[in-house]
């Protein structure tokens, strides 16, 4: 499914698909390439770069490679290809309400994931994640799609 207005909020795990060469790396690359050419708009909450850095810190030993990845992301921000937003109190409260939905047995959505999702809701964007558990818990809020279902890997 392609979202009609082509405005996306990408979860940190989408960038990690690309960085670590995982299963859906081609879809992640295509979304970023489309932003570079102006075919779509990518918005990320301010915490995204910190989350990506945290995963790189714990899963990649080569500091030169980490530096390369982080500088590339910074370049995309400076060129306004990735638009960083600082969530407002209104967005944060909405994310808290989302994070409180759930059940003791099935679990509650993580606040940080809900923050990405709330940013999407308040910016008329589609939140793209590769977190199936989060998706299952919050899909009824709308404006969310799993990475493999966003665009065809073969397009």
C-alpha atoms as a PDB file:
ATOM      1  CA  UNK A   1       0.000   0.000   0.000  1.00  0.00           C
ATOM      2  CA  UNK A   2       1.326   3.428  -0.869  1.00  0.00           C
ATOM      3  CA  UNK A   3       0.093   6.321   1.232  1.00  0.00           C
ATOM      4  CA  UNK A   4      -1.532   8.987  -0.918  1.00  0.00           C
ATOM      5  CA  UNK A   5       0.249  12.073   0.400  1.00  0.00           C
ATOM      6  CA  UNK A   6       3.707  10.452   0.545  1.00  0.00           C
ATOM      7  CA  UNK A   7       4.516  11.888   3.981  1.00  0.00           C
ATOM      8  CA  UNK A   8       6.094   9.297   6.247  1.00  0.00           C
ATOM      9  CA  UNK A   9       7.366   9.017   9.798  1.00  0.00           C
ATOM     10  CA  UNK A  10      10.018   6.307   9.781  1.00  0.00           C
ATOM     11  CA  UNK A  11      10.671   4.233  12.874  1.00  0.00           C
ATOM     12  CA  UNK A  12      14.331   3.883  13.843  1.00  0.00           C
ATOM     13  CA  UNK A  13      14.061   0.209  12.887  1.00  0.00           C
ATOM     14  CA  UNK A  14      13.506   1.217   9.245  1.00  0.00           C
ATOM     15  CA  UNK A  15      16.917   2.913   9.166  1.00  0.00           C
ATOM     16  CA  UNK A  16      18.413  -0.136  10.901  1.00  0.00           C
ATOM     17  CA  UNK A  17      17.085  -2.389   8.128  1.00  0.00           C
ATOM     18  CA  UNK A  18      19.194  -0.331   5.742  1.00  0.00           C
ATOM     19  CA  UNK A  19      22.281  -0.032   7.977  1.00  0.00           C
ATOM     20  CA  UNK A  20      22.459  -3.724   8.870  1.00  0.00           C
ATOM     21  CA  UNK A  21      21.444  -5.029   5.430  1.00  0.00           C
ATOM     22  CA  UNK A  22      18.401  -6.831   6.763  1.00  0.00           C
ATOM     23  CA  UNK A  23      15.510  -8.420   4.900  1.00  0.00           C
ATOM     24  CA  UNK A  24      13.690  -5.180   4.009  1.00  0.00           C
ATOM     25  CA  UNK A  25      16.729  -3.029   3.326  1.00  0.00           C
ATOM     26  CA  UNK A  26      15.671  -2.377  -0.278  1.00  0.00           C
ATOM     27  CA  UNK A  27      12.341  -0.921   0.825  1.00  0.00           C
ATOM     28  CA  UNK A  28      14.095   1.265   3.407  1.00  0.00           C
ATOM     29  CA  UNK A  29      16.593   2.427   0.775  1.00  0.00           C
ATOM     30  CA  UNK A  30      13.785   3.196  -1.660  1.00  0.00           C
ATOM     31  CA  UNK A  31      11.935   5.343   0.881  1.00  0.00           C
ATOM     32  CA  UNK A  32      15.116   7.324   1.561  1.00  0.00           C
ATOM     33  CA  UNK A  33      15.935   7.587  -2.154  1.00  0.00           C
ATOM     34  CA  UNK A  34      12.444   8.894  -2.854  1.00  0.00           C
ATOM     35  CA  UNK A  35      12.926  11.544  -0.172  1.00  0.00           C
ATOM     36  CA  UNK A  36      16.224  12.564  -1.787  1.00  0.00           C
ATOM     37  CA  UNK A  37      14.496  13.013  -5.154  1.00  0.00           C
ATOM     38  CA  UNK A  38      11.527  14.814  -3.576  1.00  0.00           C
ATOM     39  CA  UNK A  39       9.008  12.047  -4.256  1.00  0.00           C
ATOM     40  CA  UNK A  40       8.127  11.766  -0.582  1.00  0.00           C
ATOM     41  CA  UNK A  41       8.665  13.544   2.718  1.00  0.00           C
ATOM     42  CA  UNK A  42      10.245  11.893   5.756  1.00  0.00           C
ATOM     43  CA  UNK A  43       9.631  13.209   9.239  1.00  0.00           C
ATOM     44  CA  UNK A  44      11.327  11.772  12.312  1.00  0.00           C
ATOM     45  CA  UNK A  45      10.943  12.678  15.967  1.00  0.00           C
ATOM     46  CA  UNK A  46      14.037  14.095  17.640  1.00  0.00           C
ATOM     47  CA  UNK A  47      14.639  10.849  19.544  1.00  0.00           C
ATOM     48  CA  UNK A  48      15.183   8.821  16.344  1.00  0.00           C
ATOM     49  CA  UNK A  49      18.889   9.573  15.982  1.00  0.00           C
ATOM     50  CA  UNK A  50      19.449   8.699  19.644  1.00  0.00           C
ATOM     51  CA  UNK A  51      17.646   5.378  19.232  1.00  0.00           C
ATOM     52  CA  UNK A  52      19.674   4.549  16.131  1.00  0.00           C
ATOM     53  CA  UNK A  53      22.889   5.495  17.944  1.00  0.00           C
ATOM     54  CA  UNK A  54      21.975   3.276  20.877  1.00  0.00           C
ATOM     55  CA  UNK A  55      21.482   0.243  18.632  1.00  0.00           C
ATOM     56  CA  UNK A  56      24.715   0.942  16.752  1.00  0.00           C
ATOM     57  CA  UNK A  57      26.580   1.282  20.048  1.00  0.00           C
ATOM     58  CA  UNK A  58      25.447  -2.148  21.199  1.00  0.00           C
ATOM     59  CA  UNK A  59      25.616  -3.998  17.880  1.00  0.00           C
ATOM     60  CA  UNK A  60      28.446  -2.585  15.775  1.00  0.00           C
ATOM     61  CA  UNK A  61      32.034  -2.631  16.992  1.00  0.00           C
ATOM     62  CA  UNK A  62      33.650  -0.636  14.185  1.00  0.00           C
ATOM     63  CA  UNK A  63      33.512   3.010  15.295  1.00  0.00           C
ATOM     64  CA  UNK A  64      34.516   4.180  11.812  1.00  0.00           C
ATOM     65  CA  UNK A  65      31.462   2.442  10.324  1.00  0.00           C
ATOM     66  CA  UNK A  66      29.250   3.912  13.038  1.00  0.00           C
ATOM     67  CA  UNK A  67      30.656   7.359  12.279  1.00  0.00           C
ATOM     68  CA  UNK A  68      29.934   6.894   8.567  1.00  0.00           C
ATOM     69  CA  UNK A  69      26.322   5.917   9.227  1.00  0.00           C
ATOM     70  CA  UNK A  70      25.716   8.734  11.698  1.00  0.00           C
ATOM     71  CA  UNK A  71      27.299  11.338   9.430  1.00  0.00           C
ATOM     72  CA  UNK A  72      25.138  10.175   6.547  1.00  0.00           C
ATOM     73  CA  UNK A  73      22.018  10.578   8.672  1.00  0.00           C
ATOM     74  CA  UNK A  74      23.230  14.016   9.802  1.00  0.00           C
ATOM     75  CA  UNK A  75      23.777  14.970   6.155  1.00  0.00           C
ATOM     76  CA  UNK A  76      20.193  13.967   5.346  1.00  0.00           C
ATOM     77  CA  UNK A  77      18.997  16.146   8.219  1.00  0.00           C
ATOM     78  CA  UNK A  78      21.115  19.146   7.219  1.00  0.00           C
ATOM     79  CA  UNK A  79      19.891  18.838   3.631  1.00  0.00           C
ATOM     80  CA  UNK A  80      16.326  18.698   5.001  1.00  0.00           C
ATOM     81  CA  UNK A  81      15.705  15.303   3.460  1.00  0.00           C
ATOM     82  CA  UNK A  82      14.927  14.031   6.954  1.00  0.00           C
ATOM     83  CA  UNK A  83      12.841  16.562   8.833  1.00  0.00           C
ATOM     84  CA  UNK A  84      13.321  16.325  12.581  1.00  0.00           C
ATOM     85  CA  UNK A  85      10.444  17.426  14.763  1.00  0.00           C
ATOM     86  CA  UNK A  86      10.468  17.967  18.496  1.00  0.00           C
ATOM     87  CA  UNK A  87       7.192  16.525  19.747  1.00  0.00           C
ATOM     88  CA  UNK A  88       4.981  19.079  21.473  1.00  0.00           C
ATOM     89  CA  UNK A  89       3.275  18.459  24.808  1.00  0.00           C
ATOM     90  CA  UNK A  90       0.049  17.733  22.886  1.00  0.00           C
ATOM     91  CA  UNK A  91       1.798  15.042  20.815  1.00  0.00           C
ATOM     92  CA  UNK A  92       3.482  13.569  23.907  1.00  0.00           C
ATOM     93  CA  UNK A  93       0.176  13.375  25.810  1.00  0.00           C
ATOM     94  CA  UNK A  94      -1.446  11.662  22.830  1.00  0.00           C
ATOM     95  CA  UNK A  95       1.456   9.171  22.750  1.00  0.00           C
ATOM     96  CA  UNK A  96       0.960   8.533  26.479  1.00  0.00           C
ATOM     97  CA  UNK A  97      -2.726   7.809  25.892  1.00  0.00           C
ATOM     98  CA  UNK A  98      -1.768   5.377  23.120  1.00  0.00           C
ATOM     99  CA  UNK A  99       0.850   3.701  25.331  1.00  0.00           C
ATOM    100  CA  UNK A 100      -1.765   3.126  28.019  1.00  0.00           C
ATOM    101  CA  UNK A 101      -3.940   1.139  25.621  1.00  0.00           C
ATOM    102  CA  UNK A 102      -3.387  -2.553  25.846  1.00  0.00           C
ATOM    103  CA  UNK A 103      -3.818  -5.422  28.215  1.00  0.00           C
ATOM    104  CA  UNK A 104      -1.829  -6.870  31.077  1.00  0.00           C
ATOM    105  CA  UNK A 105      -1.504 -10.220  29.279  1.00  0.00           C
ATOM    106  CA  UNK A 106      -0.791  -8.996  25.736  1.00  0.00           C
ATOM    107  CA  UNK A 107       1.269  -6.052  26.902  1.00  0.00           C
ATOM    108  CA  UNK A 108       1.221  -2.337  26.362  1.00  0.00           C
ATOM    109  CA  UNK A 109       2.738  -0.389  23.495  1.00  0.00           C
ATOM    110  CA  UNK A 110       6.111   1.223  24.190  1.00  0.00           C
ATOM    111  CA  UNK A 111       5.887   4.966  24.749  1.00  0.00           C
ATOM    112  CA  UNK A 112       8.722   5.762  22.328  1.00  0.00           C
ATOM    113  CA  UNK A 113       7.016   3.818  19.538  1.00  0.00           C
ATOM    114  CA  UNK A 114       3.779   5.635  20.330  1.00  0.00           C
ATOM    115  CA  UNK A 115       5.642   8.938  20.106  1.00  0.00           C
ATOM    116  CA  UNK A 116       6.643   8.185  16.493  1.00  0.00           C
ATOM    117  CA  UNK A 117       3.049   7.176  15.778  1.00  0.00           C
ATOM    118  CA  UNK A 118       1.624  10.319  17.393  1.00  0.00           C
ATOM    119  CA  UNK A 119       3.998  12.463  15.312  1.00  0.00           C
ATOM    120  CA  UNK A 120       2.540  10.751  12.242  1.00  0.00           C
ATOM    121  CA  UNK A 121      -1.034  11.336  13.385  1.00  0.00           C
ATOM    122  CA  UNK A 122      -0.437  15.033  14.052  1.00  0.00           C
ATOM    123  CA  UNK A 123       1.361  15.536  10.711  1.00  0.00           C
ATOM    124  CA  UNK A 124      -1.102  13.611   8.523  1.00  0.00           C
ATOM    125  CA  UNK A 125       1.660  11.129   7.799  1.00  0.00           C
ATOM    126  CA  UNK A 126       1.996   7.367   7.751  1.00  0.00           C
ATOM    127  CA  UNK A 127       4.097   5.791  10.515  1.00  0.00           C
ATOM    128  CA  UNK A 128       6.228   3.049   9.008  1.00  0.00           C
ATOM    129  CA  UNK A 129       7.601   0.428  11.345  1.00  0.00           C
ATOM    130  CA  UNK A 130       8.999  -3.065  11.188  1.00  0.00           C
ATOM    131  CA  UNK A 131       7.789  -3.817  14.713  1.00  0.00           C
ATOM    132  CA  UNK A 132       4.952  -6.301  14.237  1.00  0.00           C
ATOM    133  CA  UNK A 133       4.095  -6.428  17.955  1.00  0.00           C
ATOM    134  CA  UNK A 134       3.686  -2.661  18.141  1.00  0.00           C
ATOM    135  CA  UNK A 135       1.677  -2.644  14.928  1.00  0.00           C
ATOM    136  CA  UNK A 136      -0.737  -5.255  16.294  1.00  0.00           C
ATOM    137  CA  UNK A 137      -1.296  -3.249  19.476  1.00  0.00           C
ATOM    138  CA  UNK A 138      -1.973   0.148  17.864  1.00  0.00           C
ATOM    139  CA  UNK A 139      -3.167  -0.429  14.300  1.00  0.00           C
ATOM    140  CA  UNK A 140      -6.666   0.750  15.198  1.00  0.00           C
ATOM    141  CA  UNK A 141      -5.341   4.297  15.651  1.00  0.00           C
ATOM    142  CA  UNK A 142      -4.608   4.346  11.909  1.00  0.00           C
ATOM    143  CA  UNK A 143      -1.760   6.085  10.089  1.00  0.00           C
ATOM    144  CA  UNK A 144       0.521   3.057  10.566  1.00  0.00           C
ATOM    145  CA  UNK A 145       1.886   0.460   8.184  1.00  0.00           C
ATOM    146  CA  UNK A 146       4.425  -2.338   8.376  1.00  0.00           C
ATOM    147  CA  UNK A 147       7.562  -1.726   6.331  1.00  0.00           C
ATOM    148  CA  UNK A 148       7.127  -4.696   3.957  1.00  0.00           C
ATOM    149  CA  UNK A 149       3.620  -3.535   3.073  1.00  0.00           C
ATOM    150  CA  UNK A 150       4.430   0.083   2.220  1.00  0.00           C
ATOM    151  CA  UNK A 151       5.935  -0.245  -1.236  1.00  0.00           C
ATOM    152  CA  UNK A 152       6.940  -3.174  -3.336  1.00  0.00           C
ATOM    153  CA  UNK A 153      10.512  -4.309  -2.906  1.00  0.00           C
ATOM    154  CA  UNK A 154      10.627  -4.772  -6.691  1.00  0.00           C
ATOM    155  CA  UNK A 155       9.371  -1.321  -7.781  1.00  0.00           C
END
